[in-house]
Amino acid sequence: MNNMPALSQEASGLSLGKPLEKIREPGEVYLAGNKGDWNVRCITGKPGEIDKCEIQQLLFLNENTPIADISIFKLPPGELAVAAANVMVPLETLLTKKFRFAFSKDFVKEFPYSFCNANGCLVRMGLLEEDVTAMKKGVVSQLSLTHISKPDSSINLNLSLSGFTAAFDLLRPF
């Protein structure tokens, strides 16, 4: 019979450490998890405040080339829109052609670009209840933009709706 000593902190003489709670500073952004293809990204609130969260997804031109970023957050009750979405697209997007969002195969809307900065051009959208409902029922939405080098053709990006309902339902209004 083998009389091996029981492994413990004292027996080995080694400290196994004590996990510390991660303390975030107010305003610090962190990844709170994901649901399907959606990331849940939050901003740490001040002491006593609830963290504000949004859902986010990168959209790719091909397997290795991210081209756009969408983030969605809920708005307070009483607003006409139930949520807001921000989509960052690349510089050299043709701004005279509106951004298109196909919430479903038969339900497409156009949105203007708000502004451009060093990071790209931003589309700011108010999402109505029917927009969110269409996304919850879907598998994929299509976002379309136009590059200045090809003004007569669109770049169509697929937005995965896998996990959208679960991610959206986690959100609290800002």
N, C-alpha and C. Protein backbone atom coordinates (compact mmCIF):
# COMPACT_ATOMS: atom_id res chain seq x y z
N MET A 1 0.84 -1.17 0.00
CA MET A 1 0.00 0.00 0.00
C MET A 1 0.89 1.23 0.00
N ASN A 2 0.50 2.20 -0.81
CA ASN A 2 1.28 3.41 -0.97
C ASN A 2 0.83 4.45 0.05
N ASN A 3 1.74 4.93 0.87
CA ASN A 3 1.42 5.95 1.86
C ASN A 3 1.85 7.32 1.37
N MET A 4 1.22 7.79 0.27
CA MET A 4 1.54 9.11 -0.28
C MET A 4 0.91 10.17 0.61
N PRO A 5 1.64 11.25 0.91
CA PRO A 5 1.04 12.31 1.71
C PRO A 5 -0.07 13.00 0.93
N ALA A 6 -1.10 13.41 1.61
CA ALA A 6 -2.20 14.14 0.97
C ALA A 6 -1.65 15.49 0.47
N LEU A 7 -2.08 15.85 -0.73
CA LEU A 7 -1.62 17.13 -1.27
C LEU A 7 -2.40 18.26 -0.61
N SER A 8 -1.68 19.19 -0.08
CA SER A 8 -2.32 20.36 0.52
C SER A 8 -1.32 21.50 0.48
N GLN A 9 -1.80 22.68 0.79
CA GLN A 9 -0.92 23.83 0.79
C GLN A 9 0.24 23.62 1.76
N GLU A 10 -0.11 23.11 2.94
CA GLU A 10 0.90 22.96 3.97
C GLU A 10 1.90 21.86 3.61
N ALA A 11 1.42 20.77 3.07
CA ALA A 11 2.30 19.64 2.79
C ALA A 11 3.29 19.96 1.69
N SER A 12 2.88 20.69 0.70
CA SER A 12 3.77 20.96 -0.42
C SER A 12 4.64 22.18 -0.17
N GLY A 13 4.21 23.02 0.74
CA GLY A 13 4.96 24.25 0.98
C GLY A 13 4.70 25.31 -0.09
N LEU A 14 3.79 25.03 -1.01
CA LEU A 14 3.49 25.99 -2.08
C LEU A 14 2.14 26.64 -1.83
N SER A 15 2.08 27.90 -2.11
CA SER A 15 0.80 28.60 -2.03
C SER A 15 0.04 28.38 -3.33
N LEU A 16 -1.21 28.05 -3.23
CA LEU A 16 -2.06 27.86 -4.41
C LEU A 16 -2.78 29.15 -4.79
N GLY A 17 -2.57 30.19 -4.04
CA GLY A 17 -3.17 31.49 -4.34
C GLY A 17 -4.64 31.55 -4.01
N LYS A 18 -5.14 32.75 -3.97
CA LYS A 18 -6.54 32.99 -3.70
C LYS A 18 -7.07 33.86 -4.82
N PRO A 19 -8.09 33.39 -5.55
CA PRO A 19 -8.64 34.21 -6.63
C PRO A 19 -9.19 35.53 -6.10
N LEU A 20 -8.90 36.61 -6.82
CA LEU A 20 -9.42 37.92 -6.46
C LEU A 20 -10.58 38.26 -7.36
N GLU A 21 -11.53 38.99 -6.82
CA GLU A 21 -12.61 39.48 -7.66
C GLU A 21 -12.06 40.57 -8.55
N LYS A 22 -12.48 40.55 -9.80
CA LYS A 22 -12.05 41.59 -10.74
C LYS A 22 -12.85 42.83 -10.41
N ILE A 23 -12.17 43.88 -10.11
CA ILE A 23 -12.83 45.16 -9.81
C ILE A 23 -12.66 46.04 -11.04
N ARG A 24 -13.78 46.44 -11.61
CA ARG A 24 -13.76 47.29 -12.80
C ARG A 24 -14.00 48.73 -12.39
N GLU A 25 -13.33 49.61 -13.10
CA GLU A 25 -13.52 51.04 -12.89
C GLU A 25 -14.76 51.50 -13.63
N PRO A 26 -15.50 52.49 -13.12
CA PRO A 26 -16.64 53.04 -13.86
C PRO A 26 -16.20 53.48 -15.25
N GLY A 27 -17.01 53.12 -16.25
CA GLY A 27 -16.69 53.47 -17.63
C GLY A 27 -15.89 52.41 -18.36
N GLU A 28 -15.39 51.40 -17.64
CA GLU A 28 -14.60 50.34 -18.28
C GLU A 28 -15.52 49.42 -19.08
N VAL A 29 -15.12 49.12 -20.31
CA VAL A 29 -15.88 48.24 -21.19
C VAL A 29 -15.39 46.81 -20.98
N TYR A 30 -16.33 45.86 -20.92
CA TYR A 30 -15.95 44.46 -20.77
C TYR A 30 -16.92 43.56 -21.54
N LEU A 31 -16.45 42.38 -21.88
CA LEU A 31 -17.27 41.39 -22.56
C LEU A 31 -17.97 40.56 -21.49
N ALA A 32 -19.30 40.63 -21.47
CA ALA A 32 -20.07 39.94 -20.45
C ALA A 32 -20.47 38.53 -20.89
N GLY A 33 -20.18 38.18 -22.13
CA GLY A 33 -20.51 36.86 -22.64
C GLY A 33 -20.98 36.95 -24.07
N ASN A 34 -21.56 35.85 -24.54
CA ASN A 34 -22.13 35.88 -25.88
C ASN A 34 -23.30 34.92 -25.96
N LYS A 35 -24.15 35.18 -26.93
CA LYS A 35 -25.30 34.34 -27.24
C LYS A 35 -25.26 34.10 -28.74
N GLY A 36 -25.00 32.90 -29.14
CA GLY A 36 -24.87 32.60 -30.57
C GLY A 36 -23.76 33.44 -31.16
N ASP A 37 -24.07 34.18 -32.21
CA ASP A 37 -23.06 35.02 -32.89
C ASP A 37 -23.01 36.44 -32.35
N TRP A 38 -23.70 36.71 -31.26
CA TRP A 38 -23.74 38.07 -30.69
C TRP A 38 -22.91 38.14 -29.41
N ASN A 39 -22.07 39.17 -29.30
CA ASN A 39 -21.34 39.46 -28.07
C ASN A 39 -22.18 40.39 -27.22
N VAL A 40 -22.13 40.19 -25.91
CA VAL A 40 -22.78 41.10 -24.97
C VAL A 40 -21.67 41.93 -24.35
N ARG A 41 -21.64 43.22 -24.68
CA ARG A 41 -20.59 44.13 -24.26
C ARG A 41 -21.20 45.14 -23.29
N CYS A 42 -20.54 45.35 -22.17
CA CYS A 42 -21.09 46.23 -21.13
C CYS A 42 -20.10 47.31 -20.73
N ILE A 43 -20.64 48.39 -20.17
CA ILE A 43 -19.85 49.49 -19.61
C ILE A 43 -20.13 49.50 -18.12
N THR A 44 -19.08 49.42 -17.33
CA THR A 44 -19.21 49.41 -15.88
C THR A 44 -19.82 50.72 -15.39
N GLY A 45 -20.88 50.60 -14.59
CA GLY A 45 -21.53 51.78 -14.03
C GLY A 45 -20.81 52.28 -12.79
N LYS A 46 -21.20 53.45 -12.36
CA LYS A 46 -20.69 54.00 -11.10
C LYS A 46 -21.24 53.15 -9.96
N PRO A 47 -20.60 53.20 -8.79
CA PRO A 47 -21.11 52.40 -7.66
C PRO A 47 -22.61 52.65 -7.45
N GLY A 48 -23.36 51.56 -7.36
CA GLY A 48 -24.81 51.65 -7.18
C GLY A 48 -25.59 51.71 -8.48
N GLU A 49 -24.91 51.90 -9.61
CA GLU A 49 -25.57 51.92 -10.91
C GLU A 49 -25.46 50.55 -11.57
N ILE A 50 -26.45 50.24 -12.38
CA ILE A 50 -26.42 49.00 -13.16
C ILE A 50 -25.56 49.23 -14.40
N ASP A 51 -24.75 48.24 -14.75
CA ASP A 51 -23.93 48.34 -15.96
C ASP A 51 -24.84 48.44 -17.18
N LYS A 52 -24.43 49.23 -18.16
CA LYS A 52 -25.18 49.39 -19.40
C LYS A 52 -24.58 48.45 -20.44
N CYS A 53 -25.45 47.67 -21.07
CA CYS A 53 -24.96 46.66 -22.01
C CYS A 53 -25.59 46.82 -23.39
N GLU A 54 -24.86 46.34 -24.38
CA GLU A 54 -25.34 46.32 -25.76
C GLU A 54 -24.91 44.98 -26.35
N ILE A 55 -25.54 44.63 -27.46
CA ILE A 55 -25.11 43.43 -28.18
C ILE A 55 -24.39 43.87 -29.44
N GLN A 56 -23.40 43.10 -29.84
CA GLN A 56 -22.51 43.52 -30.92
C GLN A 56 -22.11 42.34 -31.78
N GLN A 57 -21.89 42.62 -33.07
CA GLN A 57 -21.41 41.60 -33.99
C GLN A 57 -20.57 42.25 -35.08
N LEU A 58 -19.47 41.61 -35.44
CA LEU A 58 -18.66 42.03 -36.58
C LEU A 58 -19.23 41.39 -37.84
N LEU A 59 -19.23 42.13 -38.94
CA LEU A 59 -19.67 41.59 -40.23
C LEU A 59 -18.45 41.52 -41.13
N PHE A 60 -18.36 40.42 -41.87
CA PHE A 60 -17.17 40.15 -42.66
C PHE A 60 -17.47 40.21 -44.15
N LEU A 61 -16.51 40.77 -44.90
CA LEU A 61 -16.58 40.79 -46.36
C LEU A 61 -16.29 39.38 -46.89
N ASN A 62 -15.30 38.74 -46.28
CA ASN A 62 -14.99 37.33 -46.54
C ASN A 62 -14.53 36.75 -45.21
N GLU A 63 -14.04 35.54 -45.22
CA GLU A 63 -13.70 34.85 -43.97
C GLU A 63 -12.77 35.64 -43.05
N ASN A 64 -11.83 36.37 -43.63
CA ASN A 64 -10.79 37.03 -42.81
C ASN A 64 -10.85 38.55 -42.81
N THR A 65 -11.85 39.15 -43.43
CA THR A 65 -11.88 40.60 -43.57
C THR A 65 -13.12 41.21 -42.92
N PRO A 66 -13.00 41.69 -41.67
CA PRO A 66 -14.14 42.38 -41.07
C PRO A 66 -14.34 43.72 -41.79
N ILE A 67 -15.59 44.06 -42.07
CA ILE A 67 -15.85 45.29 -42.82
C ILE A 67 -16.80 46.23 -42.08
N ALA A 68 -17.62 45.69 -41.18
CA ALA A 68 -18.57 46.54 -40.46
C ALA A 68 -18.78 45.97 -39.06
N ASP A 69 -19.30 46.83 -38.21
CA ASP A 69 -19.57 46.46 -36.83
C ASP A 69 -20.95 47.01 -36.47
N ILE A 70 -21.81 46.16 -35.91
CA ILE A 70 -23.13 46.62 -35.49
C ILE A 70 -23.27 46.43 -33.99
N SER A 71 -23.84 47.42 -33.33
CA SER A 71 -24.16 47.29 -31.91
C SER A 71 -25.60 47.77 -31.71
N ILE A 72 -26.31 47.07 -30.83
CA ILE A 72 -27.72 47.36 -30.58
C ILE A 72 -27.93 47.47 -29.08
N PHE A 73 -28.70 48.48 -28.68
CA PHE A 73 -29.06 48.62 -27.26
C PHE A 73 -30.51 49.04 -27.15
N LYS A 74 -31.13 48.72 -26.02
CA LYS A 74 -32.53 49.06 -25.79
C LYS A 74 -32.65 50.51 -25.35
N LEU A 75 -33.76 51.13 -25.75
CA LEU A 75 -34.08 52.50 -25.35
C LEU A 75 -35.09 52.47 -24.21
N PRO A 76 -35.19 53.58 -23.45
CA PRO A 76 -36.14 53.62 -22.34
C PRO A 76 -37.58 53.51 -22.84
N PRO A 77 -38.47 52.97 -22.00
CA PRO A 77 -39.89 52.90 -22.38
C PRO A 77 -40.42 54.30 -22.70
N GLY A 78 -41.40 54.34 -23.59
CA GLY A 78 -41.99 55.62 -23.97
C GLY A 78 -41.41 56.20 -25.24
N GLU A 79 -40.30 55.68 -25.70
CA GLU A 79 -39.70 56.13 -26.96
C GLU A 79 -40.46 55.45 -28.11
N LEU A 80 -40.49 56.09 -29.27
CA LEU A 80 -41.11 55.48 -30.44
C LEU A 80 -40.33 54.23 -30.86
N ALA A 81 -39.01 54.35 -30.88
CA ALA A 81 -38.15 53.20 -31.17
C ALA A 81 -37.92 52.43 -29.87
N VAL A 82 -37.88 51.10 -29.96
CA VAL A 82 -37.64 50.28 -28.76
C VAL A 82 -36.16 50.03 -28.54
N ALA A 83 -35.37 50.22 -29.62
CA ALA A 83 -33.93 49.99 -29.53
C ALA A 83 -33.23 50.92 -30.54
N ALA A 84 -31.94 51.01 -30.37
CA ALA A 84 -31.11 51.78 -31.31
C ALA A 84 -29.99 50.87 -31.79
N ALA A 85 -29.58 51.10 -33.02
CA ALA A 85 -28.46 50.35 -33.58
C ALA A 85 -27.47 51.33 -34.18
N ASN A 86 -26.21 51.07 -33.96
CA ASN A 86 -25.12 51.82 -34.59
C ASN A 86 -24.35 50.85 -35.46
N VAL A 87 -24.13 51.24 -36.71
CA VAL A 87 -23.34 50.42 -37.63
C VAL A 87 -22.17 51.26 -38.12
N MET A 88 -20.96 50.78 -37.89
CA MET A 88 -19.75 51.44 -38.37
C MET A 88 -19.31 50.74 -39.64
N VAL A 89 -19.23 51.50 -40.73
CA VAL A 89 -18.79 50.96 -42.03
C VAL A 89 -17.49 51.66 -42.41
N PRO A 90 -16.76 51.12 -43.40
CA PRO A 90 -15.45 51.69 -43.72
C PRO A 90 -15.52 53.07 -44.38
N LEU A 91 -14.41 53.80 -44.24
CA LEU A 91 -14.25 55.01 -45.02
C LEU A 91 -14.28 54.60 -46.49
N GLU A 92 -14.54 55.51 -47.36
CA GLU A 92 -14.71 55.26 -48.80
C GLU A 92 -16.04 54.58 -49.11
N THR A 93 -16.97 54.62 -48.15
CA THR A 93 -18.35 54.22 -48.43
C THR A 93 -19.00 55.40 -49.14
N LEU A 94 -19.76 55.13 -50.18
CA LEU A 94 -20.44 56.18 -50.92
C LEU A 94 -21.63 56.66 -50.10
N LEU A 95 -21.53 57.87 -49.56
CA LEU A 95 -22.52 58.37 -48.61
C LEU A 95 -23.81 58.84 -49.29
N THR A 96 -23.77 59.07 -50.59
CA THR A 96 -24.98 59.50 -51.30
C THR A 96 -25.94 58.33 -51.55
N LYS A 97 -25.44 57.11 -51.44
CA LYS A 97 -26.30 55.92 -51.51
C LYS A 97 -26.62 55.52 -50.08
N LYS A 98 -27.87 55.43 -49.76
CA LYS A 98 -28.25 55.13 -48.38
C LYS A 98 -27.89 53.69 -48.00
N PHE A 99 -27.68 53.51 -46.71
CA PHE A 99 -27.42 52.20 -46.11
C PHE A 99 -28.74 51.44 -46.08
N ARG A 100 -28.72 50.17 -46.46
CA ARG A 100 -29.94 49.35 -46.46
C ARG A 100 -29.82 48.21 -45.45
N PHE A 101 -30.92 47.98 -44.75
CA PHE A 101 -31.00 46.91 -43.75
C PHE A 101 -32.22 46.06 -44.10
N ALA A 102 -32.00 44.81 -44.48
CA ALA A 102 -33.09 43.88 -44.75
C ALA A 102 -33.38 43.11 -43.47
N PHE A 103 -34.41 43.52 -42.78
CA PHE A 103 -34.79 42.86 -41.53
C PHE A 103 -35.30 41.44 -41.80
N SER A 104 -35.89 41.28 -42.98
CA SER A 104 -36.31 39.96 -43.47
C SER A 104 -36.28 40.06 -44.99
N LYS A 105 -36.61 38.96 -45.67
CA LYS A 105 -36.57 38.94 -47.13
C LYS A 105 -37.48 40.01 -47.74
N ASP A 106 -38.60 40.27 -47.10
CA ASP A 106 -39.60 41.20 -47.65
C ASP A 106 -39.67 42.53 -46.92
N PHE A 107 -38.79 42.78 -45.96
CA PHE A 107 -38.89 43.98 -45.12
C PHE A 107 -37.53 44.68 -45.08
N VAL A 108 -37.34 45.66 -45.98
CA VAL A 108 -36.07 46.37 -46.12
C VAL A 108 -36.29 47.86 -45.86
N LYS A 109 -35.35 48.48 -45.15
CA LYS A 109 -35.40 49.92 -44.90
C LYS A 109 -34.08 50.56 -45.31
N GLU A 110 -34.15 51.85 -45.65
CA GLU A 110 -32.94 52.63 -45.95
C GLU A 110 -32.70 53.61 -44.81
N PHE A 111 -31.42 53.85 -44.52
CA PHE A 111 -31.03 54.78 -43.46
C PHE A 111 -29.91 55.67 -43.98
N PRO A 112 -29.90 56.94 -43.57
CA PRO A 112 -28.80 57.83 -43.96
C PRO A 112 -27.57 57.59 -43.08
N TYR A 113 -26.42 57.99 -43.57
CA TYR A 113 -25.20 57.96 -42.76
C TYR A 113 -25.21 59.21 -41.89
N SER A 114 -24.75 59.08 -40.64
CA SER A 114 -24.76 60.21 -39.71
C SER A 114 -23.49 61.06 -39.84
N PHE A 115 -22.33 60.41 -39.77
CA PHE A 115 -21.06 61.13 -39.88
C PHE A 115 -19.94 60.13 -40.09
N CYS A 116 -18.78 60.64 -40.46
CA CYS A 116 -17.58 59.82 -40.60
C CYS A 116 -16.49 60.40 -39.70
N ASN A 117 -15.63 59.52 -39.20
CA ASN A 117 -14.44 59.94 -38.45
C ASN A 117 -13.30 59.02 -38.86
N ALA A 118 -12.22 59.04 -38.14
CA ALA A 118 -11.05 58.23 -38.51
C ALA A 118 -11.34 56.73 -38.48
N ASN A 119 -12.37 56.30 -37.75
CA ASN A 119 -12.70 54.88 -37.64
C ASN A 119 -13.60 54.38 -38.76
N GLY A 120 -14.30 55.29 -39.44
CA GLY A 120 -15.23 54.90 -40.50
C GLY A 120 -16.43 55.81 -40.49
N CYS A 121 -17.51 55.35 -41.10
CA CYS A 121 -18.75 56.13 -41.19
C CYS A 121 -19.84 55.43 -40.39
N LEU A 122 -20.63 56.22 -39.70
CA LEU A 122 -21.61 55.68 -38.76
C LEU A 122 -23.03 55.85 -39.28
N VAL A 123 -23.81 54.78 -39.16
CA VAL A 123 -25.25 54.80 -39.41
C VAL A 123 -25.90 54.63 -38.04
N ARG A 124 -26.79 55.57 -37.71
CA ARG A 124 -27.50 55.50 -36.43
C ARG A 124 -28.96 55.23 -36.73
N MET A 125 -29.49 54.12 -36.22
CA MET A 125 -30.85 53.69 -36.56
C MET A 125 -31.71 53.54 -35.31
N GLY A 126 -32.94 53.97 -35.41
CA GLY A 126 -33.94 53.65 -34.41
C GLY A 126 -34.66 52.39 -34.88
N LEU A 127 -34.79 51.42 -34.01
CA LEU A 127 -35.45 50.16 -34.36
C LEU A 127 -36.83 50.12 -33.71
N LEU A 128 -37.84 49.94 -34.55
CA LEU A 128 -39.20 49.81 -34.07
C LEU A 128 -39.46 48.38 -33.61
N GLU A 129 -40.55 48.19 -32.90
CA GLU A 129 -40.91 46.84 -32.42
C GLU A 129 -40.97 45.85 -33.57
N GLU A 130 -41.53 46.25 -34.73
CA GLU A 130 -41.63 45.33 -35.86
C GLU A 130 -40.26 44.98 -36.46
N ASP A 131 -39.30 45.90 -36.36
CA ASP A 131 -37.94 45.61 -36.82
C ASP A 131 -37.31 44.51 -35.97
N VAL A 132 -37.42 44.68 -34.66
CA VAL A 132 -36.85 43.70 -33.72
C VAL A 132 -37.56 42.36 -33.85
N THR A 133 -38.89 42.39 -34.00
CA THR A 133 -39.66 41.15 -34.16
C THR A 133 -39.22 40.40 -35.41
N ALA A 134 -39.01 41.12 -36.52
CA ALA A 134 -38.55 40.47 -37.75
C ALA A 134 -37.18 39.82 -37.54
N MET A 135 -36.29 40.50 -36.81
CA MET A 135 -34.97 39.93 -36.54
C MET A 135 -35.08 38.69 -35.65
N LYS A 136 -35.96 38.72 -34.67
CA LYS A 136 -36.13 37.57 -33.77
C LYS A 136 -36.64 36.34 -34.53
N LYS A 137 -37.42 36.57 -35.59
CA LYS A 137 -37.98 35.45 -36.36
C LYS A 137 -37.02 34.95 -37.43
N GLY A 138 -35.99 35.72 -37.75
CA GLY A 138 -35.12 35.40 -38.87
C GLY A 138 -33.91 34.57 -38.51
N VAL A 139 -33.18 34.19 -39.56
CA VAL A 139 -31.93 33.45 -39.42
C VAL A 139 -30.77 34.36 -39.80
N VAL A 140 -31.00 35.22 -40.79
CA VAL A 140 -29.97 36.14 -41.26
C VAL A 140 -30.65 37.41 -41.79
N SER A 141 -30.01 38.53 -41.57
CA SER A 141 -30.42 39.80 -42.18
C SER A 141 -29.31 40.21 -43.13
N GLN A 142 -29.65 41.04 -44.09
CA GLN A 142 -28.63 41.51 -45.02
C GLN A 142 -28.50 43.02 -44.90
N LEU A 143 -27.24 43.46 -44.76
CA LEU A 143 -26.92 44.88 -44.71
C LEU A 143 -26.21 45.22 -46.01
N SER A 144 -26.54 46.36 -46.60
CA SER A 144 -25.95 46.73 -47.89
C SER A 144 -25.41 48.14 -47.86
N LEU A 145 -24.20 48.28 -48.41
CA LEU A 145 -23.55 49.58 -48.54
C LEU A 145 -22.90 49.64 -49.91
N THR A 146 -22.46 50.82 -50.30
CA THR A 146 -21.85 51.00 -51.62
C THR A 146 -20.47 51.62 -51.46
N HIS A 147 -19.48 51.07 -52.13
CA HIS A 147 -18.12 51.60 -52.11
C HIS A 147 -17.99 52.65 -53.20
N ILE A 148 -17.19 53.69 -52.95
CA ILE A 148 -17.08 54.77 -53.94
C ILE A 148 -16.50 54.29 -55.27
N SER A 149 -15.74 53.20 -55.28
CA SER A 149 -15.14 52.72 -56.52
C SER A 149 -16.15 51.99 -57.41
N LYS A 150 -17.28 51.56 -56.84
CA LYS A 150 -18.31 50.85 -57.60
C LYS A 150 -19.69 51.41 -57.25
N PRO A 151 -19.99 52.62 -57.71
CA PRO A 151 -21.24 53.27 -57.31
C PRO A 151 -22.52 52.59 -57.80
N ASP A 152 -22.41 51.68 -58.77
CA ASP A 152 -23.60 51.02 -59.30
C ASP A 152 -23.85 49.63 -58.72
N SER A 153 -23.03 49.22 -57.76
CA SER A 153 -23.25 47.90 -57.16
C SER A 153 -23.13 48.00 -55.64
N SER A 154 -23.81 47.10 -54.98
CA SER A 154 -23.82 47.09 -53.51
C SER A 154 -22.90 46.01 -52.97
N ILE A 155 -22.40 46.26 -51.78
CA ILE A 155 -21.70 45.23 -51.00
C ILE A 155 -22.73 44.73 -50.00
N ASN A 156 -23.07 43.46 -50.10
CA ASN A 156 -24.08 42.87 -49.22
C ASN A 156 -23.40 42.04 -48.14
N LEU A 157 -23.72 42.34 -46.90
CA LEU A 157 -23.13 41.66 -45.76
C LEU A 157 -24.20 40.90 -45.01
N ASN A 158 -23.90 39.67 -44.62
CA ASN A 158 -24.85 38.86 -43.87
C ASN A 158 -24.67 39.07 -42.38
N LEU A 159 -25.76 39.43 -41.73
CA LEU A 159 -25.80 39.59 -40.28
C LEU A 159 -26.47 38.35 -39.70
N SER A 160 -25.71 37.55 -38.97
CA SER A 160 -26.27 36.35 -38.37
C SER A 160 -27.23 36.73 -37.25
N LEU A 161 -28.37 36.09 -37.24
CA LEU A 161 -29.35 36.31 -36.17
C LEU A 161 -29.34 35.16 -35.17
N SER A 162 -28.34 34.27 -35.29
CA SER A 162 -28.19 33.18 -34.33
C SER A 162 -27.89 33.77 -32.94
N GLY A 163 -28.77 33.52 -32.00
CA GLY A 163 -28.60 34.03 -30.64
C GLY A 163 -29.15 35.43 -30.43
N PHE A 164 -29.71 36.04 -31.49
CA PHE A 164 -30.19 37.43 -31.36
C PHE A 164 -31.26 37.56 -30.28
N THR A 165 -32.27 36.69 -30.32
CA THR A 165 -33.37 36.80 -29.36
C THR A 165 -32.85 36.70 -27.93
N ALA A 166 -32.03 35.70 -27.65
CA ALA A 166 -31.50 35.51 -26.29
C ALA A 166 -30.64 36.71 -25.88
N ALA A 167 -29.82 37.21 -26.77
CA ALA A 167 -28.95 38.36 -26.45
C ALA A 167 -29.78 39.61 -26.24
N PHE A 168 -30.73 39.88 -27.14
CA PHE A 168 -31.55 41.09 -27.03
C PHE A 168 -32.37 41.07 -25.74
N ASP A 169 -32.91 39.91 -25.39
CA ASP A 169 -33.75 39.81 -24.19
C ASP A 169 -32.96 40.00 -22.90
N LEU A 170 -31.63 39.87 -22.95
CA LEU A 170 -30.78 40.13 -21.78
C LEU A 170 -30.65 41.62 -21.48
N LEU A 171 -30.84 42.44 -22.51
CA LEU A 171 -30.56 43.88 -22.38
C LEU A 171 -31.59 44.59 -21.52
N ARG A 172 -31.10 45.61 -20.80
CA ARG A 172 -31.97 46.54 -20.07
C ARG A 172 -31.91 47.87 -20.81
N PRO A 173 -32.98 48.64 -20.77
CA PRO A 173 -32.94 49.95 -21.46
C PRO A 173 -31.85 50.85 -20.90
N PHE A 174 -31.24 51.65 -21.77
CA PHE A 174 -30.21 52.63 -21.34
C PHE A 174 -30.87 53.74 -20.58
